[in-house]
Amino acid sequence: MSGEEELPDPRLILVILYGLFVVVLTFCFGSHVVNFFRRGRCPSFRSQVASETAEIESDGIKYERLSTDRKNEIDTLRDRILTRILGNFSLTLQKEHMLQRGTSNLLDKSQGSDVVQKDIEEGFESEANGPVDNDKSTVSKDDISEGYTHIVIPRSGVDINGNSINGGDDAQNDNKEKREVPICCAICLSEYEVEDKVCWSCNSNCTHVFHRECIVQWLVAVGRRKSSMQRFPDSPSEKKLMNYPLECPCCRQEFIFARCDKEEV
């Protein structure tokens, strides 16, 4: 009938749809197909891929992609490095390092100590100026840590041998001067006891003291958080391992300087 419109040929519609399908496939996967053949036939392309792979391997693998065993290995290496560095700023507490509650005398003079007496709390000032109660300053062997409130250690920035990290700018007598610090570790919240290993900062501006094991574990945990985007080769250097802030958990100042260690970190 002359009034009816002629419908398009179905075969023409199929051809158009097929052409569109081919165009979409070429757009989406054409580059991958070309690269596939280039990898097999083009020497320059293969060498480029090999060089890029070698560069990635030499730079290492991201920390977040490492296996659990590999991460534990890195933690162990950091633990050893930190323990070694803090060894010069650590002390194994003995009875003479403990300050008994109720007195501000640092040590009993009868023990031949060269520790300088000083007050850290105003409440102890009047008692420090008065006579020393010998009965009060002695403790039985069965009760080593009871009744103590402070410990006596070297000043911040001075190692166990009395050497200043600032290169000896301070007077020798000042380097040998001791200080009193509270008997509680701010990390584990436990009191120090005889035979505990405590350590202080090589930074003279940081006055905090901790169990050595506590601060080492703290700094290792900080390393785990800070290293998520860092790459580690099979044999990372100490500089690579310790490339993150080594800050005090209390004052957020540097707890460890690179020059605190006699060996380079």
Protein backbone atom coordinates (compact mmCIF):
# COMPACT_ATOMS: atom_id res chain seq x y z
CA MET A 1 0.00 0.00 0.00
CA SER A 2 1.26 3.44 -0.87
CA GLY A 3 0.37 4.87 2.59
CA GLU A 4 2.56 2.41 4.49
CA GLU A 5 6.27 3.17 5.23
CA GLU A 6 8.81 0.59 4.18
CA LEU A 7 10.75 -1.02 7.09
CA PRO A 8 14.58 -1.10 6.91
CA ASP A 9 16.21 -4.31 5.92
CA PRO A 10 16.93 -6.45 9.06
CA ARG A 11 20.23 -7.52 7.58
CA LEU A 12 21.34 -3.89 7.40
CA ILE A 13 20.54 -3.44 11.10
CA LEU A 14 22.62 -6.49 11.99
CA VAL A 15 25.57 -5.21 9.99
CA ILE A 16 25.42 -1.84 11.76
CA LEU A 17 25.25 -3.49 15.19
CA TYR A 18 28.12 -5.80 14.35
CA GLY A 19 30.24 -2.84 13.24
CA LEU A 20 29.53 -0.96 16.47
CA PHE A 21 30.47 -4.06 18.48
CA VAL A 22 33.81 -4.33 16.66
CA VAL A 23 34.55 -0.64 17.27
CA VAL A 24 33.86 -1.01 21.02
CA LEU A 25 36.07 -4.09 21.30
CA THR A 26 38.90 -2.37 19.44
CA PHE A 27 38.64 0.71 21.67
CA CYS A 28 38.68 -1.33 24.89
CA PHE A 29 41.20 -4.07 24.11
CA GLY A 30 43.13 -2.91 21.07
CA SER A 31 46.09 -1.52 23.04
CA HIS A 32 46.40 -4.74 25.05
CA VAL A 33 46.47 -6.84 21.89
CA VAL A 34 49.15 -4.63 20.35
CA ASN A 35 51.30 -4.80 23.50
CA PHE A 36 50.92 -8.57 23.59
CA PHE A 37 52.39 -8.96 20.13
CA ARG A 38 55.06 -6.34 20.76
CA ARG A 39 56.31 -8.19 23.82
CA GLY A 40 56.89 -11.29 21.75
CA ARG A 41 58.33 -9.72 18.59
CA CYS A 42 59.90 -6.39 19.58
CA PRO A 43 63.33 -6.75 21.31
CA SER A 44 63.41 -3.11 22.38
CA PHE A 45 60.05 -3.46 24.09
CA ARG A 46 61.19 -6.61 25.92
CA SER A 47 64.34 -4.87 27.12
CA GLN A 48 62.29 -1.89 28.32
CA VAL A 49 59.99 -4.13 30.32
CA ALA A 50 62.99 -6.00 31.76
CA SER A 51 64.69 -2.77 32.85
CA GLU A 52 61.52 -1.50 34.50
CA THR A 53 61.10 -4.80 36.35
CA ALA A 54 64.72 -4.75 37.51
CA GLU A 55 64.30 -1.19 38.76
CA ILE A 56 61.26 -2.19 40.80
CA GLU A 57 63.06 -5.21 42.22
CA SER A 58 66.14 -3.18 43.19
CA ASP A 59 64.01 -0.54 44.90
CA GLY A 60 62.23 -3.23 46.89
CA ILE A 61 58.65 -4.10 47.72
CA LYS A 62 56.18 -1.89 49.53
CA TYR A 63 55.93 -2.67 53.24
CA GLU A 64 52.19 -3.23 53.05
CA ARG A 65 52.74 -5.99 50.46
CA LEU A 66 55.38 -7.84 52.45
CA SER A 67 54.61 -11.18 54.06
CA THR A 68 54.04 -11.40 57.81
CA ASP A 69 57.36 -13.20 58.28
CA ARG A 70 59.20 -10.48 56.36
CA LYS A 71 57.56 -7.75 58.46
CA ASN A 72 58.55 -9.58 61.64
CA GLU A 73 62.11 -9.79 60.33
CA ILE A 74 62.19 -6.02 59.80
CA ASP A 75 60.83 -5.51 63.32
CA THR A 76 63.61 -7.70 64.71
CA LEU A 77 66.28 -5.75 62.84
CA ARG A 78 64.91 -2.46 64.13
CA ASP A 79 64.78 -3.86 67.66
CA ARG A 80 68.48 -4.75 67.50
CA ILE A 81 69.47 -1.35 66.11
CA LEU A 82 67.50 0.58 68.73
CA THR A 83 68.81 -1.58 71.57
CA ARG A 84 72.37 -0.97 70.42
CA ILE A 85 71.92 2.79 70.09
CA LEU A 86 70.21 3.11 73.47
CA GLY A 87 72.88 0.99 75.13
CA ASN A 88 74.99 4.11 75.72
CA PHE A 89 72.00 5.82 77.37
CA SER A 90 70.81 2.91 79.50
CA LEU A 91 71.32 1.87 83.08
CA THR A 92 70.59 -1.32 85.03
CA LEU A 93 69.08 -0.07 88.25
CA GLN A 94 70.77 -1.02 91.49
CA LYS A 95 69.79 -0.34 95.05
CA GLU A 96 71.89 2.82 95.18
CA HIS A 97 69.94 4.31 92.26
CA MET A 98 66.64 4.19 94.15
CA LEU A 99 65.38 7.21 96.10
CA GLN A 100 63.18 6.38 99.08
CA ARG A 101 59.84 8.09 99.60
CA GLY A 102 60.02 10.95 102.10
CA THR A 103 63.63 12.07 101.52
CA SER A 104 65.37 14.07 98.81
CA ASN A 105 68.88 12.70 99.35
CA LEU A 106 69.98 11.11 96.09
CA LEU A 107 72.32 8.55 97.58
CA ASP A 108 73.77 7.65 100.97
CA LYS A 109 77.12 9.46 101.27
CA SER A 110 78.54 6.41 103.04
CA GLN A 111 78.49 4.59 99.71
CA GLY A 112 81.04 7.05 98.29
CA SER A 113 78.73 8.45 95.60
CA ASP A 114 79.62 11.69 93.83
CA VAL A 115 75.96 12.41 93.04
CA VAL A 116 74.93 16.02 93.60
CA GLN A 117 71.97 16.61 95.88
CA LYS A 118 69.13 18.52 94.32
CA ASP A 119 65.40 19.03 94.84
CA ILE A 120 62.84 18.36 92.16
CA GLU A 121 59.75 19.04 94.22
CA GLU A 122 59.17 21.93 96.60
CA GLY A 123 57.66 19.57 99.14
CA PHE A 124 61.08 17.99 99.71
CA GLU A 125 63.00 21.24 100.14
CA SER A 126 62.71 21.66 103.91
CA GLU A 127 63.49 18.01 104.56
CA ALA A 128 66.54 18.07 102.27
CA ASN A 129 68.01 20.96 104.24
CA GLY A 130 67.60 19.13 107.51
CA PRO A 131 69.55 16.19 108.94
CA VAL A 132 69.37 12.85 107.20
CA ASP A 133 67.48 10.11 108.97
CA ASN A 134 69.66 7.04 108.47
CA ASP A 135 66.91 4.71 109.64
CA LYS A 136 64.64 6.20 107.00
CA SER A 137 67.16 5.94 104.16
CA THR A 138 67.87 2.23 104.55
CA VAL A 139 65.75 -0.62 103.29
CA SER A 140 65.91 -4.32 104.12
CA LYS A 141 67.04 -6.84 101.52
CA ASP A 142 63.59 -8.42 101.52
CA ASP A 143 62.00 -5.13 100.53
CA ILE A 144 64.08 -3.63 97.70
CA SER A 145 61.63 -1.45 95.78
CA GLU A 146 58.91 -0.66 98.37
CA GLY A 147 58.83 2.94 99.54
CA TYR A 148 60.73 4.48 96.61
CA THR A 149 59.39 7.36 94.55
CA HIS A 150 62.32 8.34 92.30
CA ILE A 151 65.41 6.94 90.63
CA VAL A 152 68.79 8.59 90.10
CA ILE A 153 70.19 8.64 86.55
CA PRO A 154 72.44 10.83 84.36
CA ARG A 155 71.11 13.97 82.76
CA SER A 156 69.48 13.97 79.32
CA GLY A 157 71.98 14.18 76.50
CA VAL A 158 74.73 12.57 78.61
CA ASP A 159 75.62 8.92 78.18
CA ILE A 160 76.38 6.39 80.90
CA ASN A 161 80.09 7.32 80.81
CA GLY A 162 79.41 11.02 81.34
CA ASN A 163 80.02 12.06 77.73
CA SER A 164 77.78 14.78 76.33
CA ILE A 165 76.13 14.24 72.95
CA ASN A 166 76.85 17.90 72.21
CA GLY A 167 80.52 17.13 71.74
CA GLY A 168 81.74 18.04 75.20
CA ASP A 169 80.48 21.62 75.30
CA ASP A 170 79.32 21.12 78.87
CA ALA A 171 81.75 21.10 81.75
CA GLN A 172 82.95 17.70 82.91
CA ASN A 173 81.41 18.17 86.35
CA ASP A 174 78.05 19.00 84.80
CA ASN A 175 78.17 15.81 82.75
CA LYS A 176 78.66 13.75 85.92
CA GLU A 177 75.76 15.43 87.67
CA LYS A 178 72.76 13.18 88.28
CA ARG A 179 69.06 13.91 88.34
CA GLU A 180 65.97 12.50 89.97
CA VAL A 181 63.06 11.23 87.89
CA PRO A 182 59.75 9.65 88.95
CA ILE A 183 59.85 5.92 89.46
CA CYS A 184 57.02 5.16 87.01
CA CYS A 185 57.47 4.28 83.32
CA ALA A 186 55.03 6.35 81.25
CA ILE A 187 54.59 3.57 78.67
CA CYS A 188 53.79 0.49 80.76
CA LEU A 189 52.78 2.52 83.86
CA SER A 190 54.80 0.17 86.08
CA GLU A 191 57.27 1.25 88.75
CA TYR A 192 60.96 0.68 88.19
CA GLU A 193 62.57 -2.02 90.27
CA VAL A 194 66.12 -3.09 90.98
CA GLU A 195 67.69 -4.87 87.95
CA ASP A 196 65.31 -3.10 85.53
CA LYS A 197 66.99 -1.55 82.50
CA VAL A 198 65.96 2.08 82.04
CA CYS A 199 67.03 4.48 79.33
CA TRP A 200 66.90 8.20 78.68
CA SER A 201 67.11 10.38 75.60
CA CYS A 202 70.33 11.55 73.99
CA ASN A 203 68.39 14.74 73.30
CA SER A 204 69.09 17.14 76.16
CA ASN A 205 65.67 18.77 75.62
CA CYS A 206 63.79 15.53 76.33
CA THR A 207 63.75 14.70 80.03
CA HIS A 208 61.65 11.52 79.93
CA VAL A 209 62.82 8.08 81.01
CA PHE A 210 61.38 4.66 80.22
CA HIS A 211 62.08 0.97 80.52
CA ARG A 212 64.46 0.26 77.67
CA GLU A 213 62.30 -2.61 76.43
CA CYS A 214 59.20 -0.39 76.52
CA ILE A 215 60.67 2.45 74.44
CA VAL A 216 62.23 0.02 71.97
CA GLN A 217 58.89 -1.72 71.41
CA TRP A 218 57.19 1.68 71.11
CA LEU A 219 59.61 2.92 68.44
CA VAL A 220 59.38 -0.38 66.53
CA ALA A 221 55.58 -0.03 66.51
CA VAL A 222 55.94 3.54 65.21
CA GLY A 223 58.10 2.17 62.42
CA ARG A 224 55.36 -0.25 61.39
CA ARG A 225 52.86 2.59 61.09
CA LYS A 226 55.21 4.96 59.26
CA SER A 227 56.51 2.39 56.77
CA SER A 228 53.30 1.44 54.97
CA MET A 229 54.33 3.20 51.73
CA GLN A 230 58.07 2.59 52.09
CA ARG A 231 59.86 0.03 49.89
CA PHE A 232 62.27 -2.53 51.34
CA PRO A 233 64.87 -4.51 49.37
CA ASP A 234 66.01 -7.98 50.42
CA SER A 235 68.87 -6.55 52.50
CA PRO A 236 67.84 -3.05 53.69
CA SER A 237 70.48 -0.78 55.20
CA GLU A 238 70.18 0.60 58.72
CA LYS A 239 69.50 4.02 57.26
CA LYS A 240 66.60 2.55 55.29
CA LEU A 241 65.24 0.69 58.31
CA MET A 242 65.38 3.71 60.63
CA ASN A 243 64.05 6.27 58.14
CA TYR A 244 61.16 7.48 60.30
CA PRO A 245 60.73 9.86 63.28
CA LEU A 246 62.20 8.45 66.52
CA GLU A 247 60.18 10.67 68.84
CA CYS A 248 59.51 10.55 72.56
CA PRO A 249 55.95 9.30 73.21
CA CYS A 250 55.45 12.00 75.85
CA CYS A 251 56.91 15.27 74.55
CA ARG A 252 57.16 14.30 70.82
CA GLN A 253 60.71 15.60 70.63
CA GLU A 254 63.45 13.52 69.07
CA PHE A 255 64.33 10.74 71.49
CA ILE A 256 67.20 9.45 69.35
CA PHE A 257 69.56 11.42 67.13
CA ALA A 258 71.56 9.77 64.37
CA ARG A 259 74.73 10.93 66.11
CA CYS A 260 73.70 9.18 69.35
CA ASP A 261 75.24 6.01 67.98
CA LYS A 262 78.97 5.70 67.48
CA GLU A 263 78.21 3.64 64.38
CA GLU A 264 76.28 5.24 61.52
CA VAL A 265 72.59 4.46 61.33
